[in-house]
Amino acid sequence: MILNRAEAYAHMKNESEALNDINVIRTRAGLSGDALMSSSNMKGRGYSSVLDAVLDERRLELYYEGFRITDLLRNQRDIDRRFPSRTVSEVIRYTDPRIQYQIPTSETSVSGIPANER
């Protein structure tokens, strides 16, 4: 819930409250001092905005819980799949039609709704 609030603060351009929420999470994890986020050290860590910092903190805190794709799409960010693996290495634009959930065939055959383009 704290990260949801931090994201809302970031969208409302309330930088200090968003960073305070990030630091609540970091303090709970046992980090202190230079490890805490501030507006002065945010750029040095590679974040161009507070929203980037919040999304990265969500990535770290909610790892393997399946929220990353929806976080990126909700914030109109591309999905970066460039990492060493056996899958295709690519960056998927958030506007790519492959991201749409497909309408089941059982629904399109009965209702006449056309299937989503891929």
PDB file of N, CA and C in Angstrom:
ATOM      1  N   MET A   1       0.824  -1.189   0.000  1.00  0.00           N
ATOM      2  CA  MET A   1       0.000   0.000   0.000  1.00  0.00           C
ATOM      3  C   MET A   1       0.869   1.255   0.000  1.00  0.00           C
ATOM      4  N   ILE A   2       2.006   1.163   0.667  1.00  0.00           N
ATOM      5  CA  ILE A   2       2.897   2.331   0.722  1.00  0.00           C
ATOM      6  C   ILE A   2       3.433   2.651  -0.668  1.00  0.00           C
ATOM      7  N   LEU A   3       3.757   1.625  -1.437  1.00  0.00           N
ATOM      8  CA  LEU A   3       4.253   1.859  -2.792  1.00  0.00           C
ATOM      9  C   LEU A   3       3.155   2.371  -3.713  1.00  0.00           C
ATOM     10  N   ASN A   4       1.923   1.944  -3.494  1.00  0.00           N
ATOM     11  CA  ASN A   4       0.803   2.498  -4.264  1.00  0.00           C
ATOM     12  C   ASN A   4       0.655   3.986  -3.978  1.00  0.00           C
ATOM     13  N   ARG A   5       0.772   4.349  -2.708  1.00  0.00           N
ATOM     14  CA  ARG A   5       0.670   5.759  -2.338  1.00  0.00           C
ATOM     15  C   ARG A   5       1.844   6.551  -2.911  1.00  0.00           C
ATOM     16  N   ALA A   6       3.040   5.968  -2.895  1.00  0.00           N
ATOM     17  CA  ALA A   6       4.214   6.638  -3.458  1.00  0.00           C
ATOM     18  C   ALA A   6       4.024   6.894  -4.949  1.00  0.00           C
ATOM     19  N   GLU A   7       3.446   5.936  -5.645  1.00  0.00           N
ATOM     20  CA  GLU A   7       3.184   6.124  -7.078  1.00  0.00           C
ATOM     21  C   GLU A   7       2.153   7.224  -7.301  1.00  0.00           C
ATOM     22  N   ALA A   8       1.133   7.265  -6.462  1.00  0.00           N
ATOM     23  CA  ALA A   8       0.129   8.330  -6.571  1.00  0.00           C
ATOM     24  C   ALA A   8       0.761   9.692  -6.312  1.00  0.00           C
ATOM     25  N   TYR A   9       1.607   9.791  -5.291  1.00  0.00           N
ATOM     26  CA  TYR A   9       2.314  11.048  -5.027  1.00  0.00           C
ATOM     27  C   TYR A   9       3.203  11.438  -6.204  1.00  0.00           C
ATOM     28  N   ALA A  10       3.854  10.471  -6.820  1.00  0.00           N
ATOM     29  CA  ALA A  10       4.719  10.767  -7.967  1.00  0.00           C
ATOM     30  C   ALA A  10       3.902  11.311  -9.135  1.00  0.00           C
ATOM     31  N   HIS A  11       2.713  10.757  -9.352  1.00  0.00           N
ATOM     32  CA  HIS A  11       1.845  11.261 -10.422  1.00  0.00           C
ATOM     33  C   HIS A  11       1.308  12.653 -10.105  1.00  0.00           C
ATOM     34  N   MET A  12       1.136  12.944  -8.814  1.00  0.00           N
ATOM     35  CA  MET A  12       0.643  14.269  -8.407  1.00  0.00           C
ATOM     36  C   MET A  12       1.769  15.288  -8.295  1.00  0.00           C
ATOM     37  N   LYS A  13       3.001  14.885  -8.668  1.00  0.00           N
ATOM     38  CA  LYS A  13       4.192  15.743  -8.617  1.00  0.00           C
ATOM     39  C   LYS A  13       4.554  16.151  -7.190  1.00  0.00           C
ATOM     40  N   ASN A  14       4.194  15.337  -6.211  1.00  0.00           N
ATOM     41  CA  ASN A  14       4.546  15.575  -4.815  1.00  0.00           C
ATOM     42  C   ASN A  14       5.793  14.743  -4.505  1.00  0.00           C
ATOM     43  N   GLU A  15       6.935  15.259  -4.944  1.00  0.00           N
ATOM     44  CA  GLU A  15       8.191  14.520  -4.892  1.00  0.00           C
ATOM     45  C   GLU A  15       8.611  14.138  -3.476  1.00  0.00           C
ATOM     46  N   SER A  16       8.485  15.061  -2.545  1.00  0.00           N
ATOM     47  CA  SER A  16       8.970  14.788  -1.189  1.00  0.00           C
ATOM     48  C   SER A  16       8.175  13.664  -0.515  1.00  0.00           C
ATOM     49  N   GLU A  17       6.868  13.635  -0.679  1.00  0.00           N
ATOM     50  CA  GLU A  17       6.050  12.575  -0.075  1.00  0.00           C
ATOM     51  C   GLU A  17       6.338  11.226  -0.728  1.00  0.00           C
ATOM     52  N   ALA A  18       6.550  11.210  -2.044  1.00  0.00           N
ATOM     53  CA  ALA A  18       6.869   9.960  -2.733  1.00  0.00           C
ATOM     54  C   ALA A  18       8.204   9.409  -2.241  1.00  0.00           C
ATOM     55  N   LEU A  19       9.186  10.273  -2.090  1.00  0.00           N
ATOM     56  CA  LEU A  19      10.494   9.835  -1.602  1.00  0.00           C
ATOM     57  C   LEU A  19      10.422   9.381  -0.143  1.00  0.00           C
ATOM     58  N   ASN A  20       9.584  10.035   0.654  1.00  0.00           N
ATOM     59  CA  ASN A  20       9.390   9.592   2.045  1.00  0.00           C
ATOM     60  C   ASN A  20       8.830   8.174   2.099  1.00  0.00           C
ATOM     61  N   ASP A  21       7.873   7.879   1.210  1.00  0.00           N
ATOM     62  CA  ASP A  21       7.302   6.533   1.173  1.00  0.00           C
ATOM     63  C   ASP A  21       8.336   5.506   0.724  1.00  0.00           C
ATOM     64  N   ILE A  22       9.170   5.863  -0.251  1.00  0.00           N
ATOM     65  CA  ILE A  22      10.237   4.953  -0.674  1.00  0.00           C
ATOM     66  C   ILE A  22      11.172   4.676   0.502  1.00  0.00           C
ATOM     67  N   ASN A  23      11.483   5.722   1.260  1.00  0.00           N
ATOM     68  CA  ASN A  23      12.403   5.560   2.384  1.00  0.00           C
ATOM     69  C   ASN A  23      11.803   4.749   3.529  1.00  0.00           C
ATOM     70  N   VAL A  24      10.495   4.765   3.666  1.00  0.00           N
ATOM     71  CA  VAL A  24       9.842   3.894   4.660  1.00  0.00           C
ATOM     72  C   VAL A  24      10.131   2.438   4.311  1.00  0.00           C
ATOM     73  N   ILE A  25      10.001   2.097   3.039  1.00  0.00           N
ATOM     74  CA  ILE A  25      10.269   0.729   2.588  1.00  0.00           C
ATOM     75  C   ILE A  25      11.740   0.389   2.771  1.00  0.00           C
ATOM     76  N   ARG A  26      12.620   1.309   2.405  1.00  0.00           N
ATOM     77  CA  ARG A  26      14.061   1.052   2.514  1.00  0.00           C
ATOM     78  C   ARG A  26      14.497   0.934   3.983  1.00  0.00           C
ATOM     79  N   THR A  27      13.924   1.738   4.864  1.00  0.00           N
ATOM     80  CA  THR A  27      14.258   1.647   6.285  1.00  0.00           C
ATOM     81  C   THR A  27      13.794   0.318   6.861  1.00  0.00           C
ATOM     82  N   ARG A  28      12.594  -0.130   6.466  1.00  0.00           N
ATOM     83  CA  ARG A  28      12.088  -1.426   6.918  1.00  0.00           C
ATOM     84  C   ARG A  28      13.004  -2.558   6.475  1.00  0.00           C
ATOM     85  N   ALA A  29      13.654  -2.376   5.310  1.00  0.00           N
ATOM     86  CA  ALA A  29      14.569  -3.401   4.798  1.00  0.00           C
ATOM     87  C   ALA A  29      15.940  -3.345   5.464  1.00  0.00           C
ATOM     88  N   GLY A  30      16.123  -2.385   6.377  1.00  0.00           N
ATOM     89  CA  GLY A  30      17.382  -2.296   7.107  1.00  0.00           C
ATOM     90  C   GLY A  30      18.402  -1.357   6.500  1.00  0.00           C
ATOM     91  N   LEU A  31      18.007  -0.569   5.508  1.00  0.00           N
ATOM     92  CA  LEU A  31      18.922   0.375   4.886  1.00  0.00           C
ATOM     93  C   LEU A  31      18.877   1.703   5.629  1.00  0.00           C
ATOM     94  N   SER A  32      19.982   2.412   5.603  1.00  0.00           N
ATOM     95  CA  SER A  32      20.029   3.726   6.253  1.00  0.00           C
ATOM     96  C   SER A  32      21.103   4.571   5.596  1.00  0.00           C
ATOM     97  N   GLY A  33      21.194   5.814   6.004  1.00  0.00           N
ATOM     98  CA  GLY A  33      22.243   6.714   5.523  1.00  0.00           C
ATOM     99  C   GLY A  33      22.165   6.987   4.032  1.00  0.00           C
ATOM    100  N   ASP A  34      23.243   6.688   3.317  1.00  0.00           N
ATOM    101  CA  ASP A  34      23.315   6.964   1.883  1.00  0.00           C
ATOM    102  C   ASP A  34      22.394   6.080   1.056  1.00  0.00           C
ATOM    103  N   ALA A  35      21.933   4.998   1.623  1.00  0.00           N
ATOM    104  CA  ALA A  35      21.048   4.097   0.884  1.00  0.00           C
ATOM    105  C   ALA A  35      19.632   4.663   0.760  1.00  0.00           C
ATOM    106  N   LEU A  36      19.295   5.644   1.588  1.00  0.00           N
ATOM    107  CA  LEU A  36      17.966   6.253   1.497  1.00  0.00           C
ATOM    108  C   LEU A  36      17.917   7.194   0.306  1.00  0.00           C
ATOM    109  N   MET A  37      16.750   7.340  -0.253  1.00  0.00           N
ATOM    110  CA  MET A  37      16.554   8.127  -1.463  1.00  0.00           C
ATOM    111  C   MET A  37      16.261   9.575  -1.110  1.00  0.00           C
ATOM    112  N   SER A  38      16.890  10.480  -1.828  1.00  0.00           N
ATOM    113  CA  SER A  38      16.598  11.905  -1.680  1.00  0.00           C
ATOM    114  C   SER A  38      16.625  12.550  -3.059  1.00  0.00           C
ATOM    115  N   SER A  39      16.095  13.751  -3.158  1.00  0.00           N
ATOM    116  CA  SER A  39      16.073  14.419  -4.456  1.00  0.00           C
ATOM    117  C   SER A  39      17.480  14.747  -4.941  1.00  0.00           C
ATOM    118  N   SER A  40      18.437  14.873  -4.024  1.00  0.00           N
ATOM    119  CA  SER A  40      19.808  15.192  -4.437  1.00  0.00           C
ATOM    120  C   SER A  40      20.569  13.980  -4.965  1.00  0.00           C
ATOM    121  N   ASN A  41      20.295  12.770  -4.457  1.00  0.00           N
ATOM    122  CA  ASN A  41      21.024  11.602  -4.938  1.00  0.00           C
ATOM    123  C   ASN A  41      20.233  10.763  -5.936  1.00  0.00           C
ATOM    124  N   MET A  42      19.032  11.186  -6.272  1.00  0.00           N
ATOM    125  CA  MET A  42      18.185  10.426  -7.189  1.00  0.00           C
ATOM    126  C   MET A  42      18.765  10.414  -8.601  1.00  0.00           C
ATOM    127  N   LYS A  43      19.228  11.537  -9.098  1.00  0.00           N
ATOM    128  CA  LYS A  43      19.778  11.620 -10.462  1.00  0.00           C
ATOM    129  C   LYS A  43      21.052  10.792 -10.581  1.00  0.00           C
ATOM    130  N   GLY A  44      21.875  10.778  -9.532  1.00  0.00           N
ATOM    131  CA  GLY A  44      23.106  10.004  -9.543  1.00  0.00           C
ATOM    132  C   GLY A  44      22.879   8.507  -9.587  1.00  0.00           C
ATOM    133  N   ARG A  45      21.716   8.070  -9.204  1.00  0.00           N
ATOM    134  CA  ARG A  45      21.372   6.640  -9.239  1.00  0.00           C
ATOM    135  C   ARG A  45      20.728   6.239 -10.557  1.00  0.00           C
ATOM    136  N   GLY A  46      20.602   7.191 -11.472  1.00  0.00           N
ATOM    137  CA  GLY A  46      20.083   6.879 -12.801  1.00  0.00           C
ATOM    138  C   GLY A  46      18.601   7.097 -12.985  1.00  0.00           C
ATOM    139  N   TYR A  47      17.944   7.751 -12.041  1.00  0.00           N
ATOM    140  CA  TYR A  47      16.510   8.007 -12.160  1.00  0.00           C
ATOM    141  C   TYR A  47      16.294   9.406 -12.727  1.00  0.00           C
ATOM    142  N   SER A  48      15.515   9.495 -13.785  1.00  0.00           N
ATOM    143  CA  SER A  48      15.243  10.801 -14.375  1.00  0.00           C
ATOM    144  C   SER A  48      14.026  11.475 -13.737  1.00  0.00           C
ATOM    145  N   SER A  49      13.220  10.714 -13.018  1.00  0.00           N
ATOM    146  CA  SER A  49      12.054  11.277 -12.346  1.00  0.00           C
ATOM    147  C   SER A  49      11.758  10.478 -11.083  1.00  0.00           C
ATOM    148  N   VAL A  50      10.918  11.036 -10.244  1.00  0.00           N
ATOM    149  CA  VAL A  50      10.514  10.329  -9.025  1.00  0.00           C
ATOM    150  C   VAL A  50       9.713   9.083  -9.390  1.00  0.00           C
ATOM    151  N   LEU A  51       8.924   9.171 -10.442  1.00  0.00           N
ATOM    152  CA  LEU A  51       8.143   8.006 -10.870  1.00  0.00           C
ATOM    153  C   LEU A  51       9.068   6.846 -11.246  1.00  0.00           C
ATOM    154  N   ASP A  52      10.184   7.132 -11.898  1.00  0.00           N
ATOM    155  CA  ASP A  52      11.144   6.072 -12.214  1.00  0.00           C
ATOM    156  C   ASP A  52      11.667   5.413 -10.938  1.00  0.00           C
ATOM    157  N   ALA A  53      11.954   6.219  -9.935  1.00  0.00           N
ATOM    158  CA  ALA A  53      12.457   5.679  -8.667  1.00  0.00           C
ATOM    159  C   ALA A  53      11.391   4.813  -7.988  1.00  0.00           C
ATOM    160  N   VAL A  54      10.147   5.262  -8.013  1.00  0.00           N
ATOM    161  CA  VAL A  54       9.054   4.499  -7.395  1.00  0.00           C
ATOM    162  C   VAL A  54       8.845   3.175  -8.127  1.00  0.00           C
ATOM    163  N   LEU A  55       8.853   3.214  -9.462  1.00  0.00           N
ATOM    164  CA  LEU A  55       8.651   1.982 -10.227  1.00  0.00           C
ATOM    165  C   LEU A  55       9.798   0.999 -10.010  1.00  0.00           C
ATOM    166  N   ASP A  56      11.010   1.513  -9.874  1.00  0.00           N
ATOM    167  CA  ASP A  56      12.132   0.622  -9.606  1.00  0.00           C
ATOM    168  C   ASP A  56      12.041   0.029  -8.203  1.00  0.00           C
ATOM    169  N   GLU A  57      11.579   0.821  -7.253  1.00  0.00           N
ATOM    170  CA  GLU A  57      11.396   0.293  -5.893  1.00  0.00           C
ATOM    171  C   GLU A  57      10.304  -0.771  -5.872  1.00  0.00           C
ATOM    172  N   ARG A  58       9.241  -0.567  -6.657  1.00  0.00           N
ATOM    173  CA  ARG A  58       8.198  -1.595  -6.783  1.00  0.00           C
ATOM    174  C   ARG A  58       8.778  -2.858  -7.402  1.00  0.00           C
ATOM    175  N   ARG A  59       9.655  -2.685  -8.396  1.00  0.00           N
ATOM    176  CA  ARG A  59      10.294  -3.838  -9.039  1.00  0.00           C
ATOM    177  C   ARG A  59      11.100  -4.636  -8.023  1.00  0.00           C
ATOM    178  N   LEU A  60      11.844  -3.952  -7.190  1.00  0.00           N
ATOM    179  CA  LEU A  60      12.670  -4.629  -6.194  1.00  0.00           C
ATOM    180  C   LEU A  60      11.834  -5.276  -5.092  1.00  0.00           C
ATOM    181  N   GLU A  61      10.858  -4.560  -4.600  1.00  0.00           N
ATOM    182  CA  GLU A  61      10.073  -5.029  -3.456  1.00  0.00           C
ATOM    183  C   GLU A  61       9.093  -6.146  -3.837  1.00  0.00           C
ATOM    184  N   LEU A  62       8.533  -6.070  -5.032  1.00  0.00           N
ATOM    185  CA  LEU A  62       7.508  -7.032  -5.451  1.00  0.00           C
ATOM    186  C   LEU A  62       8.041  -8.024  -6.472  1.00  0.00           C
ATOM    187  N   TYR A  63       9.326  -8.320  -6.394  1.00  0.00           N
ATOM    188  CA  TYR A  63       9.985  -9.238  -7.321  1.00  0.00           C
ATOM    189  C   TYR A  63       9.295 -10.605  -7.309  1.00  0.00           C
ATOM    190  N   TYR A  64       9.052 -11.154  -8.482  1.00  0.00           N
ATOM    191  CA  TYR A  64       8.417 -12.464  -8.682  1.00  0.00           C
ATOM    192  C   TYR A  64       6.955 -12.510  -8.242  1.00  0.00           C
ATOM    193  N   GLU A  65       6.310 -11.378  -8.102  1.00  0.00           N
ATOM    194  CA  GLU A  65       4.886 -11.403  -7.763  1.00  0.00           C
ATOM    195  C   GLU A  65       4.004 -11.095  -8.968  1.00  0.00           C
ATOM    196  N   GLY A  66       4.608 -10.778 -10.110  1.00  0.00           N
ATOM    197  CA  GLY A  66       3.851 -10.627 -11.346  1.00  0.00           C
ATOM    198  C   GLY A  66       3.259  -9.261 -11.598  1.00  0.00           C
ATOM    199  N   PHE A  67       3.731  -8.225 -10.918  1.00  0.00           N
ATOM    200  CA  PHE A  67       3.158  -6.898 -11.093  1.00  0.00           C
ATOM    201  C   PHE A  67       3.926  -6.023 -12.078  1.00  0.00           C
ATOM    202  N   ARG A  68       5.122  -6.418 -12.478  1.00  0.00           N
ATOM    203  CA  ARG A  68       5.995  -5.540 -13.254  1.00  0.00           C
ATOM    204  C   ARG A  68       5.372  -5.123 -14.582  1.00  0.00           C
ATOM    205  N   ILE A  69       4.813  -6.047 -15.328  1.00  0.00           N
ATOM    206  CA  ILE A  69       4.248  -5.723 -16.642  1.00  0.00           C
ATOM    207  C   ILE A  69       3.092  -4.738 -16.502  1.00  0.00           C
ATOM    208  N   THR A  70       2.196  -4.970 -15.559  1.00  0.00           N
ATOM    209  CA  THR A  70       1.068  -4.051 -15.391  1.00  0.00           C
ATOM    210  C   THR A  70       1.537  -2.694 -14.879  1.00  0.00           C
ATOM    211  N   ASP A  71       2.586  -2.664 -14.032  1.00  0.00           N
ATOM    212  CA  ASP A  71       3.138  -1.380 -13.592  1.00  0.00           C
ATOM    213  C   ASP A  71       3.671  -0.590 -14.776  1.00  0.00           C
ATOM    214  N   LEU A  72       4.389  -1.262 -15.674  1.00  0.00           N
ATOM    215  CA  LEU A  72       4.952  -0.582 -16.840  1.00  0.00           C
ATOM    216  C   LEU A  72       3.865  -0.098 -17.787  1.00  0.00           C
ATOM    217  N   LEU A  73       2.909  -0.951 -18.076  1.00  0.00           N
ATOM    218  CA  LEU A  73       1.850  -0.571 -19.012  1.00  0.00           C
ATOM    219  C   LEU A  73       0.962   0.528 -18.448  1.00  0.00           C
ATOM    220  N   ARG A  74       0.662   0.458 -17.167  1.00  0.00           N
ATOM    221  CA  ARG A  74      -0.167   1.492 -16.535  1.00  0.00           C
ATOM    222  C   ARG A  74       0.496   2.862 -16.614  1.00  0.00           C
ATOM    223  N   ASN A  75       1.823   2.889 -16.579  1.00  0.00           N
ATOM    224  CA  ASN A  75       2.566   4.144 -16.618  1.00  0.00           C
ATOM    225  C   ASN A  75       3.143   4.446 -17.996  1.00  0.00           C
ATOM    226  N   GLN A  76       2.644   3.752 -19.006  1.00  0.00           N
ATOM    227  CA  GLN A  76       3.030   3.946 -20.402  1.00  0.00           C
ATOM    228  C   GLN A  76       4.546   3.883 -20.579  1.00  0.00           C
ATOM    229  N   ARG A  77       5.136   2.801 -20.079  1.00  0.00           N
ATOM    230  CA  ARG A  77       6.568   2.539 -20.213  1.00  0.00           C
ATOM    231  C   ARG A  77       6.745   1.296 -21.069  1.00  0.00           C
ATOM    232  N   ASP A  78       7.806   1.286 -21.859  1.00  0.00           N
ATOM    233  CA  ASP A  78       8.108   0.126 -22.686  1.00  0.00           C
ATOM    234  C   ASP A  78       8.606  -1.034 -21.821  1.00  0.00           C
ATOM    235  N   ILE A  79       8.389  -2.243 -22.307  1.00  0.00           N
ATOM    236  CA  ILE A  79       8.835  -3.447 -21.618  1.00  0.00           C
ATOM    237  C   ILE A  79      10.195  -3.815 -22.193  1.00  0.00           C
ATOM    238  N   ASP A  80      11.220  -3.718 -21.379  1.00  0.00           N
ATOM    239  CA  ASP A  80      12.583  -3.992 -21.818  1.00  0.00           C
ATOM    240  C   ASP A  80      12.912  -5.444 -21.509  1.00  0.00           C
ATOM    241  N   ARG A  81      13.016  -6.245 -22.551  1.00  0.00           N
ATOM    242  CA  ARG A  81      13.311  -7.674 -22.375  1.00  0.00           C
ATOM    243  C   ARG A  81      14.706  -7.995 -22.891  1.00  0.00           C
ATOM    244  N   ARG A  82      15.617  -7.021 -22.781  1.00  0.00           N
ATOM    245  CA  ARG A  82      17.000  -7.247 -23.211  1.00  0.00           C
ATOM    246  C   ARG A  82      17.814  -7.749 -22.030  1.00  0.00           C
ATOM    247  N   PHE A  83      17.842  -9.047 -21.879  1.00  0.00           N
ATOM    248  CA  PHE A  83      18.639  -9.675 -20.842  1.00  0.00           C
ATOM    249  C   PHE A  83      19.083 -11.034 -21.372  1.00  0.00           C
ATOM    250  N   PRO A  84      20.186 -11.557 -20.870  1.00  0.00           N
ATOM    251  CA  PRO A  84      20.691 -12.826 -21.403  1.00  0.00           C
ATOM    252  C   PRO A  84      19.779 -13.995 -21.032  1.00  0.00           C
ATOM    253  N   SER A  85      19.229 -14.610 -22.041  1.00  0.00           N
ATOM    254  CA  SER A  85      18.391 -15.795 -21.845  1.00  0.00           C
ATOM    255  C   SER A  85      18.186 -16.453 -23.196  1.00  0.00           C
ATOM    256  N   ARG A  86      17.376 -17.484 -23.222  1.00  0.00           N
ATOM    257  CA  ARG A  86      17.096 -18.158 -24.490  1.00  0.00           C
ATOM    258  C   ARG A  86      15.905 -17.535 -25.214  1.00  0.00           C
ATOM    259  N   THR A  87      15.244 -16.586 -24.602  1.00  0.00           N
ATOM    260  CA  THR A  87      14.113 -15.930 -25.250  1.00  0.00           C
ATOM    261  C   THR A  87      14.609 -14.801 -26.139  1.00  0.00           C
ATOM    262  N   VAL A  88      13.719 -14.265 -26.929  1.00  0.00           N
ATOM    263  CA  VAL A  88      14.058 -13.173 -27.827  1.00  0.00           C
ATOM    264  C   VAL A  88      14.359 -11.925 -27.005  1.00  0.00           C
ATOM    265  N   SER A  89      15.460 -11.276 -27.314  1.00  0.00           N
ATOM    266  CA  SER A  89      15.846 -10.050 -26.618  1.00  0.00           C
ATOM    267  C   SER A  89      15.250  -8.872 -27.376  1.00  0.00           C
ATOM    268  N   GLU A  90      14.336  -8.132 -26.740  1.00  0.00           N
ATOM    269  CA  GLU A  90      13.644  -7.043 -27.435  1.00  0.00           C
ATOM    270  C   GLU A  90      13.095  -6.029 -26.450  1.00  0.00           C
ATOM    271  N   VAL A  91      12.734  -4.878 -26.986  1.00  0.00           N
ATOM    272  CA  VAL A  91      12.006  -3.868 -26.229  1.00  0.00           C
ATOM    273  C   VAL A  91      10.624  -3.789 -26.851  1.00  0.00           C
ATOM    274  N   ILE A  92       9.605  -4.065 -26.057  1.00  0.00           N
ATOM    275  CA  ILE A  92       8.229  -4.053 -26.552  1.00  0.00           C
ATOM    276  C   ILE A  92       7.606  -2.718 -26.180  1.00  0.00           C
ATOM    277  N   ARG A  93       7.177  -1.981 -27.179  1.00  0.00           N
ATOM    278  CA  ARG A  93       6.527  -0.690 -26.940  1.00  0.00           C
ATOM    279  C   ARG A  93       5.201  -0.913 -26.215  1.00  0.00           C
ATOM    280  N   TYR A  94       4.840   0.028 -25.358  1.00  0.00           N
ATOM    281  CA  TYR A  94       3.594  -0.133 -24.603  1.00  0.00           C
ATOM    282  C   TYR A  94       2.370  -0.035 -25.501  1.00  0.00           C
ATOM    283  N   THR A  95       2.539   0.431 -26.739  1.00  0.00           N
ATOM    284  CA  THR A  95       1.430   0.524 -27.687  1.00  0.00           C
ATOM    285  C   THR A  95       1.363  -0.680 -28.622  1.00  0.00           C
ATOM    286  N   ASP A  96       2.249  -1.638 -28.449  1.00  0.00           N
ATOM    287  CA  ASP A  96       2.317  -2.808 -29.324  1.00  0.00           C
ATOM    288  C   ASP A  96       1.029  -3.625 -29.207  1.00  0.00           C
ATOM    289  N   PRO A  97       0.414  -4.022 -30.332  1.00  0.00           N
ATOM    290  CA  PRO A  97      -0.838  -4.788 -30.250  1.00  0.00           C
ATOM    291  C   PRO A  97      -0.675  -6.178 -29.644  1.00  0.00           C
ATOM    292  N   ARG A  98       0.552  -6.701 -29.544  1.00  0.00           N
ATOM    293  CA  ARG A  98       0.758  -8.014 -28.930  1.00  0.00           C
ATOM    294  C   ARG A  98       0.437  -8.004 -27.441  1.00  0.00           C
ATOM    295  N   ILE A  99       0.376  -6.840 -26.833  1.00  0.00           N
ATOM    296  CA  ILE A  99       0.150  -6.740 -25.400  1.00  0.00           C
ATOM    297  C   ILE A  99      -1.322  -6.923 -25.041  1.00  0.00           C
ATOM    298  N   GLN A 100      -2.206  -6.663 -25.986  1.00  0.00           N
ATOM    299  CA  GLN A 100      -3.633  -6.778 -25.706  1.00  0.00           C
ATOM    300  C   GLN A 100      -4.005  -8.199 -25.321  1.00  0.00           C
ATOM    301  N   TYR A 101      -4.893  -8.306 -24.355  1.00  0.00           N
ATOM    302  CA  TYR A 101      -5.423  -9.620 -24.013  1.00  0.00           C
ATOM    303  C   TYR A 101      -6.356 -10.064 -25.135  1.00  0.00           C
ATOM    304  N   GLN A 102      -6.231 -11.288 -25.541  1.00  0.00           N
ATOM    305  CA  GLN A 102      -7.034 -11.797 -26.638  1.00  0.00           C
ATOM    306  C   GLN A 102      -8.438 -12.155 -26.162  1.00  0.00           C
ATOM    307  N   ILE A 103      -9.413 -11.865 -27.007  1.00  0.00           N
ATOM    308  CA  ILE A 103     -10.790 -12.256 -26.726  1.00  0.00           C
ATOM    309  C   ILE A 103     -10.898 -13.746 -27.046  1.00  0.00           C
ATOM    310  N   PRO A 104     -11.436 -14.543 -26.130  1.00  0.00           N
ATOM    311  CA  PRO A 104     -11.512 -15.992 -26.376  1.00  0.00           C
ATOM    312  C   PRO A 104     -12.313 -16.324 -27.632  1.00  0.00           C
ATOM    313  N   THR A 105     -11.908 -17.381 -28.331  1.00  0.00           N
ATOM    314  CA  THR A 105     -12.583 -17.814 -29.557  1.00  0.00           C
ATOM    315  C   THR A 105     -14.046 -18.163 -29.285  1.00  0.00           C
ATOM    316  N   SER A 106     -14.317 -18.723 -28.116  1.00  0.00           N
ATOM    317  CA  SER A 106     -15.709 -19.064 -27.784  1.00  0.00           C
ATOM    318  C   SER A 106     -16.586 -17.811 -27.738  1.00  0.00           C
ATOM    319  N   GLU A 107     -16.008 -16.679 -27.387  1.00  0.00           N
ATOM    320  CA  GLU A 107     -16.768 -15.429 -27.338  1.00  0.00           C
ATOM    321  C   GLU A 107     -16.901 -14.807 -28.725  1.00  0.00           C
ATOM    322  N   THR A 108     -15.829 -14.807 -29.509  1.00  0.00           N
ATOM    323  CA  THR A 108     -15.896 -14.188 -30.845  1.00  0.00           C
ATOM    324  C   THR A 108     -16.781 -14.982 -31.795  1.00  0.00           C
ATOM    325  N   SER A 109     -16.843 -16.300 -31.637  1.00  0.00           N
ATOM    326  CA  SER A 109     -17.670 -17.103 -32.545  1.00  0.00           C
ATOM    327  C   SER A 109     -19.159 -16.942 -32.259  1.00  0.00           C
ATOM    328  N   VAL A 110     -19.535 -16.660 -31.035  1.00  0.00           N
ATOM    329  CA  VAL A 110     -20.947 -16.523 -30.667  1.00  0.00           C
ATOM    330  C   VAL A 110     -21.447 -15.095 -30.849  1.00  0.00           C
ATOM    331  N   SER A 111     -20.642 -14.117 -30.437  1.00  0.00           N
ATOM    332  CA  SER A 111     -21.113 -12.738 -30.412  1.00  0.00           C
ATOM    333  C   SER A 111     -20.826 -11.967 -31.691  1.00  0.00           C
ATOM    334  N   GLY A 112     -19.918 -12.463 -32.514  1.00  0.00           N
ATOM    335  CA  GLY A 112     -19.572 -11.738 -33.732  1.00  0.00           C
ATOM    336  C   GLY A 112     -18.554 -10.643 -33.522  1.00  0.00           C
ATOM    337  N   ILE A 113     -18.033 -10.514 -32.297  1.00  0.00           N
ATOM    338  CA  ILE A 113     -16.992  -9.523 -32.016  1.00  0.00           C
ATOM    339  C   ILE A 113     -15.715  -9.974 -32.715  1.00  0.00           C
ATOM    340  N   PRO A 114     -15.050  -9.085 -33.459  1.00  0.00           N
ATOM    341  CA  PRO A 114     -13.806  -9.506 -34.107  1.00  0.00           C
ATOM    342  C   PRO A 114     -12.697  -9.699 -33.086  1.00  0.00           C
ATOM    343  N   ALA A 115     -11.790 -10.612 -33.392  1.00  0.00           N
ATOM    344  CA  ALA A 115     -10.650 -10.867 -32.502  1.00  0.00           C
ATOM    345  C   ALA A 115      -9.696  -9.674 -32.530  1.00  0.00           C
ATOM    346  N   ASN A 116      -8.957  -9.492 -31.451  1.00  0.00           N
ATOM    347  CA  ASN A 116      -7.954  -8.428 -31.405  1.00  0.00           C
ATOM    348  C   ASN A 116      -6.864  -8.702 -32.424  1.00  0.00           C
ATOM    349  N   GLU A 117      -6.361  -7.632 -33.019  1.00  0.00           N
ATOM    350  CA  GLU A 117      -5.265  -7.784 -33.990  1.00  0.00           C
ATOM    351  C   GLU A 117      -3.996  -8.153 -33.262  1.00  0.00           C
ATOM    352  N   ARG A 118      -3.187  -8.925 -33.903  1.00  0.00           N
ATOM    353  CA  ARG A 118      -1.861  -9.266 -33.350  1.00  0.00           C
ATOM    354  C   ARG A 118      -0.826  -8.962 -34.357  1.00  0.00           C
TER     355      ARG A 118
END
